[in-house]
Amino acid sequence: MFKNVNKVVKRLILIDFFTNSAFGSFMPLLAIFITRQIADGSAQVAGFAVSVFWIVKSFFQLPIARFLDRTDGERDDFWAMFLGYFFSGFIPILYIFVETPTQLYAVQAIYGFLMAWAVPSWYGIFTRHVDKWRISFEWSLQSVFSVGTATAFAAALGGYLADHYGFRIIFLFAGLISILISLLFLTIRKEMLPRRGEEKILPERNKDRL
């Protein structure tokens, strides 16, 4: 399945798999956590929490994407992606300490802001490094493996763990996995495309992508 997939695309898919597995272990169950363990938690609070995330993410993502596109090279994309993923790993851990709807909304807003940096930078790097002769396959590989498969297994496991061990254990492990797996981004830092004028330091295999 991953035969002949280049290093950058392979690492991005792998990191996304573990990140989606971590968040997928509790996201489908988050409304249950909110109604059971947050003071004044309700379906309405759960709905507002989801809305806060998407409103904040949507508000910031396009301006951030424009900024990343206007900045030459991939160094800015890399750090936006790495820091966005790394700090988002603390979001599940923060859920452990949430006691009120206001605190929940604050955490969701932070999460949305972090994803506004992580998502466009990830998309940009993936798009520029995807193997041009099988674009559809590698994007589908990411969708099927990193999103579909990861979420399917993680959601089932998360439901079991929540019933037997509680949400706090899930949040803790999900956060730690996300933080640790984000460090793998550092292994592709040298593969990022440089600014114009620095092409001479590129490996031969990357020059044709400029």
Protein backbone atom coordinates (compact mmCIF):
# COMPACT_ATOMS: atom_id res chain seq x y z
CA MET A 1 0.00 0.00 0.00
CA PHE A 2 2.83 2.39 0.82
CA LYS A 3 5.25 0.96 -1.71
CA ASN A 4 7.14 3.71 -3.57
CA VAL A 5 5.35 6.48 -1.63
CA ASN A 6 7.88 9.24 -0.95
CA LYS A 7 9.13 9.97 2.55
CA VAL A 8 7.25 13.22 3.17
CA VAL A 9 3.85 11.91 2.07
CA LYS A 10 4.37 8.67 3.98
CA ARG A 11 5.24 10.50 7.21
CA LEU A 12 2.32 12.91 6.86
CA ILE A 13 -0.09 10.01 6.41
CA LEU A 14 1.41 8.10 9.34
CA ILE A 15 1.27 11.10 11.69
CA ASP A 16 -2.29 11.85 10.64
CA PHE A 17 -3.25 8.22 11.28
CA PHE A 18 -2.11 8.33 14.91
CA THR A 19 -3.47 11.82 15.49
CA ASN A 20 -6.88 10.90 14.11
CA SER A 21 -6.80 7.69 16.12
CA ALA A 22 -6.10 9.66 19.29
CA PHE A 23 -8.84 12.23 18.72
CA GLY A 24 -11.19 9.67 17.18
CA SER A 25 -11.11 7.69 20.41
CA PHE A 26 -13.16 10.35 22.20
CA MET A 27 -14.60 12.88 19.72
CA PRO A 28 -17.66 10.77 18.82
CA LEU A 29 -18.30 10.42 22.57
CA LEU A 30 -17.58 14.00 23.61
CA ALA A 31 -21.26 14.94 23.88
CA ILE A 32 -21.75 12.13 26.42
CA PHE A 33 -18.81 13.44 28.46
CA ILE A 34 -20.27 16.95 28.37
CA THR A 35 -23.75 15.93 29.51
CA ARG A 36 -22.49 13.62 32.25
CA GLN A 37 -19.44 15.29 33.74
CA ILE A 38 -19.65 19.04 33.14
CA ALA A 39 -21.76 21.23 35.42
CA ASP A 40 -24.92 22.29 33.56
CA GLY A 41 -23.79 20.17 30.63
CA SER A 42 -26.47 19.47 28.05
CA ALA A 43 -27.01 18.70 24.40
CA GLN A 44 -27.17 22.44 23.81
CA VAL A 45 -23.78 22.95 25.45
CA ALA A 46 -22.33 20.17 23.30
CA GLY A 47 -23.74 21.79 20.18
CA PHE A 48 -22.36 25.21 21.12
CA ALA A 49 -18.96 23.67 21.84
CA VAL A 50 -18.79 22.21 18.34
CA SER A 51 -19.91 25.54 16.89
CA VAL A 52 -17.22 27.46 18.77
CA PHE A 53 -14.52 25.20 17.32
CA TRP A 54 -15.73 25.56 13.73
CA ILE A 55 -16.40 29.31 13.96
CA VAL A 56 -12.92 30.04 15.31
CA LYS A 57 -11.22 27.66 12.86
CA SER A 58 -13.14 29.04 9.88
CA PHE A 59 -12.53 32.66 10.89
CA PHE A 60 -8.75 32.30 11.09
CA GLN A 61 -7.96 29.59 8.54
CA LEU A 62 -8.34 31.55 5.29
CA PRO A 63 -6.19 34.52 6.41
CA ILE A 64 -3.56 32.09 7.69
CA ALA A 65 -3.67 30.13 4.42
CA ARG A 66 -3.17 33.36 2.45
CA PHE A 67 -0.21 34.25 4.65
CA LEU A 68 1.37 30.83 4.13
CA ASP A 69 0.89 31.06 0.36
CA ARG A 70 2.48 34.50 0.17
CA THR A 71 5.53 33.45 2.17
CA ASP A 72 8.20 31.87 -0.01
CA GLY A 73 9.37 28.32 0.70
CA GLU A 74 7.94 25.74 3.09
CA ARG A 75 9.64 26.69 6.32
CA ASP A 76 6.65 28.70 7.49
CA ASP A 77 4.29 25.88 6.46
CA PHE A 78 6.38 23.37 8.36
CA TRP A 79 6.43 25.31 11.63
CA ALA A 80 2.74 26.17 11.38
CA MET A 81 1.96 22.49 10.87
CA PHE A 82 4.32 21.21 13.56
CA LEU A 83 3.32 23.71 16.25
CA GLY A 84 -0.37 23.38 15.41
CA TYR A 85 -0.27 19.60 15.78
CA PHE A 86 2.03 19.66 18.81
CA PHE A 87 -0.02 22.08 20.89
CA SER A 88 -3.33 20.54 19.81
CA GLY A 89 -2.12 17.43 21.62
CA PHE A 90 -2.72 19.30 24.87
CA ILE A 91 -6.42 19.79 24.07
CA PRO A 92 -7.54 16.32 25.26
CA ILE A 93 -5.55 16.84 28.46
CA LEU A 94 -7.28 20.19 29.02
CA TYR A 95 -10.66 18.44 28.80
CA ILE A 96 -9.74 16.62 32.01
CA PHE A 97 -9.82 19.92 33.89
CA VAL A 98 -12.95 21.37 32.27
CA GLU A 99 -15.76 21.82 34.79
CA THR A 100 -18.04 24.48 33.26
CA PRO A 101 -19.43 25.27 29.81
CA THR A 102 -17.39 28.49 29.70
CA GLN A 103 -14.16 26.57 30.23
CA LEU A 104 -15.22 24.10 27.54
CA TYR A 105 -15.88 26.89 25.04
CA ALA A 106 -12.45 28.38 25.79
CA VAL A 107 -10.73 25.05 25.11
CA GLN A 108 -12.71 24.63 21.89
CA ALA A 109 -11.70 28.11 20.75
CA ILE A 110 -8.03 27.32 21.38
CA TYR A 111 -8.41 24.04 19.50
CA GLY A 112 -10.02 25.83 16.55
CA PHE A 113 -7.21 28.40 16.42
CA LEU A 114 -4.53 25.69 16.46
CA MET A 115 -6.24 23.76 13.68
CA ALA A 116 -6.51 26.95 11.63
CA TRP A 117 -2.70 26.84 11.48
CA ALA A 118 -2.23 23.08 11.22
CA VAL A 119 -4.75 22.23 8.49
CA PRO A 120 -3.76 24.60 5.63
CA SER A 121 -0.06 24.02 6.22
CA TRP A 122 -0.55 20.23 6.20
CA TYR A 123 -2.62 20.47 3.00
CA GLY A 124 -0.02 22.69 1.34
CA ILE A 125 2.94 20.45 2.15
CA PHE A 126 1.08 17.28 1.20
CA THR A 127 -0.04 18.78 -2.11
CA ARG A 128 3.44 19.95 -3.08
CA HIS A 129 5.10 16.64 -2.22
CA VAL A 130 2.48 14.20 -3.47
CA ASP A 131 3.74 12.03 -6.32
CA LYS A 132 2.34 13.68 -9.43
CA TRP A 133 1.67 10.43 -11.31
CA ARG A 134 -0.75 9.14 -8.62
CA ILE A 135 -2.28 12.16 -6.95
CA SER A 136 -5.72 10.58 -6.59
CA PHE A 137 -4.31 7.41 -5.05
CA GLU A 138 -2.17 9.14 -2.42
CA TRP A 139 -4.94 11.55 -1.40
CA SER A 140 -7.27 8.55 -1.18
CA LEU A 141 -4.67 6.65 0.83
CA GLN A 142 -4.67 9.50 3.31
CA SER A 143 -8.48 9.55 3.42
CA VAL A 144 -8.96 5.79 3.77
CA PHE A 145 -6.02 4.99 6.06
CA SER A 146 -5.49 8.14 8.12
CA VAL A 147 -9.12 9.18 8.47
CA GLY A 148 -11.47 6.26 7.79
CA THR A 149 -9.53 3.34 9.23
CA ALA A 150 -8.10 5.33 12.14
CA THR A 151 -11.45 6.75 13.22
CA ALA A 152 -13.31 3.46 12.80
CA PHE A 153 -11.07 1.47 15.12
CA ALA A 154 -10.42 4.33 17.54
CA ALA A 155 -14.11 5.14 18.03
CA ALA A 156 -14.93 1.53 18.88
CA LEU A 157 -11.99 1.29 21.28
CA GLY A 158 -12.82 4.65 22.83
CA GLY A 159 -16.38 3.57 23.55
CA TYR A 160 -15.15 0.44 25.30
CA LEU A 161 -12.55 2.32 27.36
CA ALA A 162 -15.01 5.05 28.33
CA ASP A 163 -17.44 2.48 29.71
CA HIS A 164 -14.79 0.55 31.63
CA TYR A 165 -12.22 3.16 32.66
CA GLY A 166 -13.78 6.60 32.22
CA PHE A 167 -13.07 9.54 29.97
CA ARG A 168 -10.09 10.94 31.81
CA ILE A 169 -7.89 7.96 30.92
CA ILE A 170 -8.85 8.34 27.25
CA PHE A 171 -8.11 12.07 27.30
CA LEU A 172 -4.72 11.53 28.91
CA PHE A 173 -3.57 8.83 26.50
CA ALA A 174 -4.98 10.66 23.47
CA GLY A 175 -3.09 13.80 24.43
CA LEU A 176 0.18 12.02 25.07
CA ILE A 177 -0.03 10.07 21.81
CA SER A 178 -0.77 13.25 19.84
CA ILE A 179 2.09 15.18 21.41
CA LEU A 180 4.63 12.40 20.92
CA ILE A 181 3.61 11.53 17.36
CA SER A 182 3.82 15.19 16.32
CA LEU A 183 7.57 15.02 16.99
CA LEU A 184 7.84 12.83 13.88
CA PHE A 185 7.34 15.99 11.84
CA LEU A 186 10.91 16.90 12.76
CA THR A 187 12.14 13.95 10.69
CA ILE A 188 10.97 15.64 7.47
CA ARG A 189 12.11 19.16 8.29
CA LYS A 190 15.08 18.93 5.91
CA GLU A 191 12.78 17.79 3.09
CA MET A 192 10.90 21.10 3.05
CA LEU A 193 11.25 23.20 -0.09
CA PRO A 194 13.54 26.23 0.40
CA ARG A 195 13.06 29.85 -0.56
CA ARG A 196 13.93 31.03 -4.04
CA GLY A 197 17.66 31.41 -4.42
CA GLU A 198 18.37 28.49 -2.09
CA GLU A 199 17.59 25.79 -4.67
CA LYS A 200 21.22 24.75 -4.85
CA ILE A 201 20.97 23.07 -1.45
CA LEU A 202 18.08 20.86 -2.61
CA PRO A 203 18.56 17.17 -3.35
CA GLU A 204 18.21 16.45 -7.06
CA ARG A 205 14.90 14.64 -6.58
CA ASN A 206 13.23 17.78 -5.22
CA LYS A 207 14.45 20.33 -7.78
CA ASP A 208 11.80 19.51 -10.30
CA ARG A 209 9.09 20.48 -7.81
CA LEU A 210 10.03 24.15 -7.66
